[in-house]
Protein backbone atom coordinates (compact mmCIF):
# COMPACT_ATOMS: atom_id res chain seq x y z
CA MET A 1 41.11 -38.72 8.39
CA SER A 2 41.23 -35.08 7.70
CA SER A 3 39.01 -32.46 8.90
CA GLU A 4 37.30 -31.70 5.68
CA GLU A 5 36.64 -35.13 5.70
CA SER A 6 35.17 -35.25 9.33
CA VAL A 7 33.08 -32.25 8.42
CA ALA A 8 31.44 -33.86 5.07
CA GLY A 9 30.64 -37.06 7.64
CA ARG A 10 28.83 -35.03 9.71
CA LEU A 11 26.96 -33.11 7.03
CA GLU A 12 26.16 -36.45 5.68
CA GLY A 13 24.70 -37.93 9.00
CA VAL A 14 22.69 -34.72 9.47
CA VAL A 15 21.13 -35.13 6.12
CA SER A 16 20.54 -38.87 6.78
CA ASN A 17 18.84 -38.12 10.07
CA LEU A 18 16.84 -35.42 8.07
CA ARG A 19 15.57 -37.92 5.74
CA GLN A 20 14.55 -40.69 8.38
CA LEU A 21 12.33 -38.01 10.02
CA PRO A 22 8.63 -37.99 9.35
CA GLU A 23 6.86 -35.64 7.06
CA THR A 24 5.48 -33.53 9.82
CA ARG A 25 8.37 -32.93 11.63
CA LYS A 26 10.23 -32.19 8.40
CA GLY A 27 7.70 -29.50 7.58
CA LEU A 28 8.04 -28.03 11.35
CA LEU A 29 11.91 -27.77 10.74
CA VAL A 30 11.56 -26.21 7.45
CA ALA A 31 8.85 -23.65 8.79
CA LEU A 32 10.59 -22.89 12.29
CA PRO A 33 13.12 -20.13 10.99
CA PRO A 34 10.36 -17.93 9.17
CA PHE A 35 8.03 -18.50 12.23
CA LEU A 36 10.70 -17.08 14.53
CA PHE A 37 11.51 -14.08 12.30
CA LEU A 38 7.84 -13.25 12.06
CA ALA A 39 7.46 -13.78 15.87
CA LEU A 40 10.44 -11.51 16.78
CA PHE A 41 9.81 -8.89 14.27
CA PHE A 42 6.26 -8.88 13.87
CA LEU A 43 4.22 -10.56 16.39
CA ILE A 44 6.06 -9.27 19.40
CA PRO A 45 6.28 -5.55 18.61
CA LEU A 46 2.43 -6.11 17.71
CA LEU A 47 1.39 -7.64 21.06
CA THR A 48 3.47 -4.69 22.65
CA VAL A 49 1.66 -1.87 21.01
CA LEU A 50 -1.50 -3.49 21.96
CA SER A 51 -0.70 -4.10 25.44
CA PHE A 52 0.20 -0.18 25.95
CA SER A 53 -3.04 0.55 24.33
CA VAL A 54 -4.70 -0.94 27.61
CA ARG A 55 -2.40 0.34 30.12
CA VAL A 56 -2.02 3.57 32.06
CA GLN A 57 0.96 5.62 31.60
CA GLU A 58 2.36 7.65 34.31
CA ASN A 59 5.41 10.00 33.93
CA LEU A 60 6.30 8.43 30.59
CA GLN A 61 6.41 5.13 31.94
CA MET A 62 3.84 2.27 31.08
CA THR A 63 2.47 0.67 34.38
CA SER A 64 0.82 -2.41 34.86
CA GLN A 65 -2.84 -0.81 35.87
CA LEU A 66 -5.33 -1.39 33.02
CA THR A 67 -7.69 0.70 31.17
CA ILE A 68 -9.97 1.35 28.19
CA GLU A 69 -9.70 5.04 28.39
CA PRO A 70 -7.24 5.27 25.23
CA TYR A 71 -9.92 3.35 23.28
CA VAL A 72 -12.63 5.75 24.44
CA THR A 73 -10.64 8.98 23.28
CA VAL A 74 -9.87 7.59 19.95
CA LEU A 75 -13.58 6.38 19.08
CA THR A 76 -15.13 9.19 20.49
CA GLY A 77 -12.57 12.14 20.05
CA GLU A 78 -13.68 14.49 16.97
CA THR A 79 -10.18 14.89 16.03
CA PHE A 80 -9.61 11.04 15.21
CA GLN A 81 -13.05 10.76 13.66
CA ALA A 82 -12.26 13.44 11.18
CA ALA A 83 -8.67 12.33 10.62
CA LEU A 84 -9.98 8.84 9.62
CA LEU A 85 -12.78 10.26 7.42
CA TYR A 86 -10.26 12.35 5.44
CA SER A 87 -7.79 9.46 5.21
CA ILE A 88 -10.57 7.17 4.00
CA ARG A 89 -11.61 10.02 1.44
CA ILE A 90 -8.24 10.87 0.20
CA SER A 91 -7.44 6.82 -0.20
CA LEU A 92 -10.26 6.25 -2.09
CA ILE A 93 -10.12 9.04 -4.49
CA THR A 94 -6.58 8.19 -5.15
CA THR A 95 -7.79 4.37 -5.78
CA LEU A 96 -10.27 5.43 -8.40
CA ILE A 97 -7.70 7.66 -9.91
CA THR A 98 -4.99 5.08 -10.08
CA LEU A 99 -7.73 2.29 -11.47
CA ALA A 100 -8.92 4.99 -14.38
CA LEU A 101 -5.23 5.32 -15.24
CA GLY A 102 -3.69 2.00 -14.54
CA LEU A 103 -6.76 -0.20 -16.43
CA PRO A 104 -5.79 1.20 -19.72
CA VAL A 105 -2.28 1.33 -19.34
CA GLY A 106 -2.04 -2.32 -17.89
CA TYR A 107 -4.21 -3.12 -21.11
CA TYR A 108 -2.06 -1.44 -23.53
CA LEU A 109 1.31 -3.09 -22.04
CA ALA A 110 -0.55 -6.42 -22.16
CA VAL A 111 -2.28 -6.55 -25.35
CA LYS A 112 -0.90 -3.82 -27.95
CA VAL A 113 2.55 -3.32 -27.24
CA ARG A 114 5.06 -5.61 -28.93
CA ASP A 115 7.58 -8.13 -27.05
CA ARG A 116 10.78 -6.35 -27.89
CA PHE A 117 9.21 -3.14 -26.25
CA ARG A 118 7.14 -4.51 -23.51
CA ASN A 119 9.78 -4.96 -21.14
CA LEU A 120 10.94 -1.46 -21.58
CA LEU A 121 7.90 0.10 -20.60
CA VAL A 122 7.15 -2.22 -17.45
CA PHE A 123 10.81 -1.25 -16.18
CA LEU A 124 9.88 2.36 -16.72
CA ILE A 125 6.56 2.06 -15.05
CA ILE A 126 8.59 0.30 -12.16
CA ALA A 127 11.54 2.52 -11.96
CA PRO A 128 10.00 5.34 -10.04
CA LEU A 129 9.33 2.98 -7.28
CA TRP A 130 13.19 3.17 -6.57
CA ILE A 131 13.11 6.76 -6.08
CA ASN A 132 13.29 8.09 -2.61
CA PHE A 133 9.67 9.96 -2.25
CA PHE A 134 11.17 12.81 -0.59
CA VAL A 135 13.19 13.83 -3.86
CA ARG A 136 9.88 13.40 -5.61
CA ALA A 137 8.01 15.36 -3.26
CA TYR A 138 10.67 17.84 -3.42
CA ALA A 139 10.27 17.89 -7.21
CA ILE A 140 6.56 18.32 -7.08
CA ILE A 141 6.73 21.30 -4.58
CA GLN A 142 9.26 22.89 -7.21
CA ILE A 143 7.01 22.46 -10.19
CA GLY A 144 3.78 23.46 -8.48
CA GLY A 145 5.07 25.78 -5.69
CA ALA A 146 3.78 29.57 -5.91
CA ARG A 147 7.28 30.27 -7.67
CA GLY A 148 7.60 26.99 -9.46
CA PHE A 149 7.55 26.13 -13.10
CA LEU A 150 3.90 25.60 -13.68
CA ASN A 151 2.78 28.86 -11.92
CA GLY A 152 5.76 30.68 -13.52
CA THR A 153 4.67 29.24 -17.03
CA LEU A 154 0.48 30.31 -16.29
CA LEU A 155 1.85 33.62 -15.42
CA ALA A 156 4.00 34.22 -18.33
CA VAL A 157 1.31 33.42 -20.63
CA GLY A 158 -1.34 35.55 -18.99
CA LEU A 159 -3.82 32.67 -17.99
CA VAL A 160 -3.46 33.74 -14.66
CA ASP A 161 -3.19 36.95 -12.55
CA GLU A 162 -1.63 35.48 -9.41
CA PRO A 163 0.02 31.82 -8.49
CA ILE A 164 -2.39 29.22 -7.95
CA GLN A 165 -2.15 27.89 -4.20
CA TRP A 166 -3.66 24.90 -4.44
CA PHE A 167 -1.05 23.10 -6.54
CA VAL A 168 0.56 22.24 -3.53
CA TYR A 169 0.05 22.12 0.41
CA SER A 170 -3.39 21.10 -0.44
CA GLN A 171 -5.67 17.82 -0.77
CA PRO A 172 -5.46 17.62 -4.51
CA SER A 173 -1.61 17.63 -4.04
CA VAL A 174 -1.77 14.97 -1.46
CA ILE A 175 -4.06 13.07 -4.06
CA PHE A 176 -1.86 13.71 -6.86
CA GLY A 177 1.33 12.41 -4.83
CA LEU A 178 -0.25 9.41 -3.60
CA THR A 179 -1.15 8.74 -7.05
CA THR A 180 2.25 9.16 -8.66
CA LEU A 181 3.42 7.21 -5.70
CA TRP A 182 1.36 3.87 -5.77
CA LEU A 183 0.18 4.15 -9.67
CA PRO A 184 2.60 1.14 -10.32
CA LEU A 185 0.89 -1.18 -7.83
CA MET A 186 -2.25 -0.74 -9.57
CA VAL A 187 -0.75 -1.07 -13.22
CA LEU A 188 1.50 -4.63 -12.39
CA PRO A 189 -1.26 -6.84 -10.98
CA ILE A 190 -3.64 -5.67 -13.97
CA TYR A 191 -1.21 -6.09 -16.72
CA ALA A 192 -0.17 -9.49 -15.13
CA LEU A 193 -3.69 -10.88 -15.26
CA LEU A 194 -4.23 -9.45 -18.65
CA ARG A 195 -1.15 -11.10 -20.15
CA GLN A 196 -2.53 -14.22 -19.44
CA MET A 197 -5.59 -13.71 -21.15
CA GLU A 198 -6.03 -15.60 -24.54
CA THR A 199 -6.02 -12.77 -27.29
CA ALA A 200 -8.01 -15.40 -29.23
CA TRP A 201 -10.69 -14.32 -27.04
CA LEU A 202 -10.89 -10.75 -28.01
CA GLU A 203 -10.59 -11.80 -31.68
CA ALA A 204 -13.84 -14.29 -31.30
CA ALA A 205 -15.75 -11.76 -29.55
CA ARG A 206 -15.10 -9.20 -32.44
CA ASP A 207 -15.95 -12.01 -35.25
CA LEU A 208 -19.06 -12.72 -33.22
CA GLY A 209 -20.15 -8.86 -33.86
CA ALA A 210 -19.20 -7.40 -30.36
CA GLY A 211 -18.45 -3.61 -30.65
CA PRO A 212 -15.36 -2.34 -28.58
CA LEU A 213 -17.38 -1.38 -25.41
CA ARG A 214 -18.99 -4.54 -25.01
CA VAL A 215 -15.59 -6.49 -25.88
CA HIS A 216 -13.51 -4.66 -22.93
CA ARG A 217 -17.06 -4.93 -20.53
CA GLU A 218 -17.50 -9.01 -21.33
CA VAL A 219 -14.00 -10.06 -22.08
CA THR A 220 -11.37 -7.78 -20.80
CA LEU A 221 -12.77 -6.52 -17.41
CA PRO A 222 -13.62 -10.25 -16.25
CA ALA A 223 -10.07 -11.17 -16.93
CA ALA A 224 -8.64 -8.06 -15.25
CA LEU A 225 -10.96 -8.06 -12.27
CA PRO A 226 -8.58 -9.97 -9.66
CA GLY A 227 -5.93 -7.55 -10.81
CA ILE A 228 -8.22 -4.75 -10.09
CA ILE A 229 -9.15 -6.24 -6.91
CA LEU A 230 -5.53 -6.79 -5.78
CA GLY A 231 -4.29 -3.49 -7.33
CA SER A 232 -7.21 -1.55 -5.41
CA LEU A 233 -6.54 -2.90 -2.27
CA PHE A 234 -2.69 -2.24 -2.41
CA VAL A 235 -3.38 1.38 -3.44
CA PHE A 236 -6.49 2.19 -0.63
CA LEU A 237 -4.75 0.62 2.10
CA LEU A 238 -1.02 1.83 1.54
CA SER A 239 -2.84 5.42 0.94
CA LEU A 240 -4.76 5.05 4.22
CA GLY A 241 -1.25 4.23 6.24
CA ASN A 242 0.86 6.69 4.58
CA GLN A 243 2.09 9.82 6.75
CA ALA A 244 4.73 11.20 4.57
CA VAL A 245 2.77 12.50 1.57
CA PRO A 246 0.14 14.01 3.52
CA ARG A 247 2.81 15.72 5.44
CA ILE A 248 5.06 17.09 2.78
CA LEU A 249 2.64 17.90 0.33
CA GLY A 250 -0.50 18.54 2.40
CA GLY A 251 0.10 21.32 4.65
CA ALA A 252 -0.95 21.81 8.37
CA LYS A 253 -4.69 22.50 7.60
CA ARG A 254 -5.83 18.84 7.60
CA THR A 255 -4.37 15.81 9.18
CA THR A 256 -4.62 12.14 8.15
CA TYR A 257 -5.22 9.70 10.47
CA SER A 258 -1.65 8.34 10.50
CA GLU A 259 -0.10 11.72 10.94
CA THR A 260 -2.87 12.42 14.09
CA ILE A 261 -1.01 9.07 15.54
CA LEU A 262 2.34 10.39 14.81
CA LEU A 263 1.43 13.81 16.64
CA GLN A 264 0.59 11.92 19.90
CA LEU A 265 4.04 10.92 20.21
CA GLU A 266 5.55 14.19 18.95
CA SER A 267 3.70 16.68 20.99
CA GLY A 268 5.95 16.60 24.01
CA GLY A 269 4.11 13.97 25.91
CA LEU A 270 4.73 10.86 24.06
CA ASN A 271 1.18 9.53 24.68
CA TRP A 272 1.75 5.86 23.93
CA PRO A 273 -1.56 4.48 25.16
CA VAL A 274 -3.41 6.66 22.68
CA ALA A 275 -1.09 6.54 19.91
CA SER A 276 -1.37 2.27 20.43
CA ALA A 277 -5.26 2.47 20.67
CA ALA A 278 -5.62 4.47 17.52
CA SER A 279 -3.13 1.77 16.26
CA GLY A 280 -5.20 -0.85 17.06
CA VAL A 281 -8.42 0.67 15.78
CA MET A 282 -6.76 1.25 12.36
CA MET A 283 -5.51 -2.56 12.23
CA VAL A 284 -9.32 -3.54 12.94
CA PHE A 285 -10.59 -1.58 10.29
CA VAL A 286 -8.05 -2.91 7.87
CA ILE A 287 -8.91 -6.60 8.98
CA VAL A 288 -12.34 -5.43 8.67
CA VAL A 289 -12.09 -4.21 4.83
CA LEU A 290 -9.90 -7.41 3.80
CA LEU A 291 -12.44 -9.76 5.51
CA GLY A 292 -15.07 -7.88 3.36
CA VAL A 293 -13.41 -8.23 0.17
CA PHE A 294 -12.39 -11.88 0.70
CA SER A 295 -16.07 -12.62 1.55
CA VAL A 296 -17.09 -11.05 -1.56
CA PHE A 297 -14.34 -12.63 -4.03
CA ASP A 298 -12.75 -15.92 -4.18
CA MET A 299 -9.00 -15.85 -2.43
CA GLU A 300 -7.84 -18.48 -4.91
CA GLU A 301 -8.75 -16.29 -7.86
CA LEU A 302 -6.92 -13.25 -6.29
CA PHE A 303 -3.72 -15.30 -5.23
């Protein structure tokens, strides 16, 4: 018997044995690889971070002594409280702006655009996600900086006497950067849901005498609602945890919550317990937000 026939025979034996296994064991075997992957790269690191948050650090080394002082520092410290409120504010504003832009764009793509152009426009919306944000942030700085194209144009036509400083390194520039970064994640869920909507519903509503506003309120919005909720969750949570955009476009006047966590590891002290506790508080906040949303809306409709 050749080696190839031997290997084929062994494979047949393995397949035959798998077929004879009960369905429960088959399911366990199928689920084992992804479970091991999640345990190795998600669960174990997460538990490590949480364990750091309740341990005492001495000489940059974690000891076995337990403490809740890091959580007290995070929950009562004005720096962390102000940073969290600032992060929530800019995340909410970003979510509202992306929703105001994403809803009409998603509707236009799903209902108004012809099929031959639709795929091209969807590709153009997705394409910015492939561009490194540091490149895009540099472009924003070049356009909106004191010597950038926008200020140069305003000065040239005489609309302003001096460069406008808040185009970059300000809260509006952070919101603008987050909006351009996450807008596709608002458009795509809305577009996907509205593509499933029957256009006959719109025509029937118009035939029954409903005006454009009523059609959108009673037909379009209910059809797009799951996409709106998912898109809003994506944008809000990703904006809340993003530290690159505020760091590049926000300047040093205000720091977000994620930046404050990072500063605990960059200040020279490598304060792992406080940074880990702050991460744990953020994780609890995110879980509360998700549970709140899923308690109001049906998960089966969202997913």
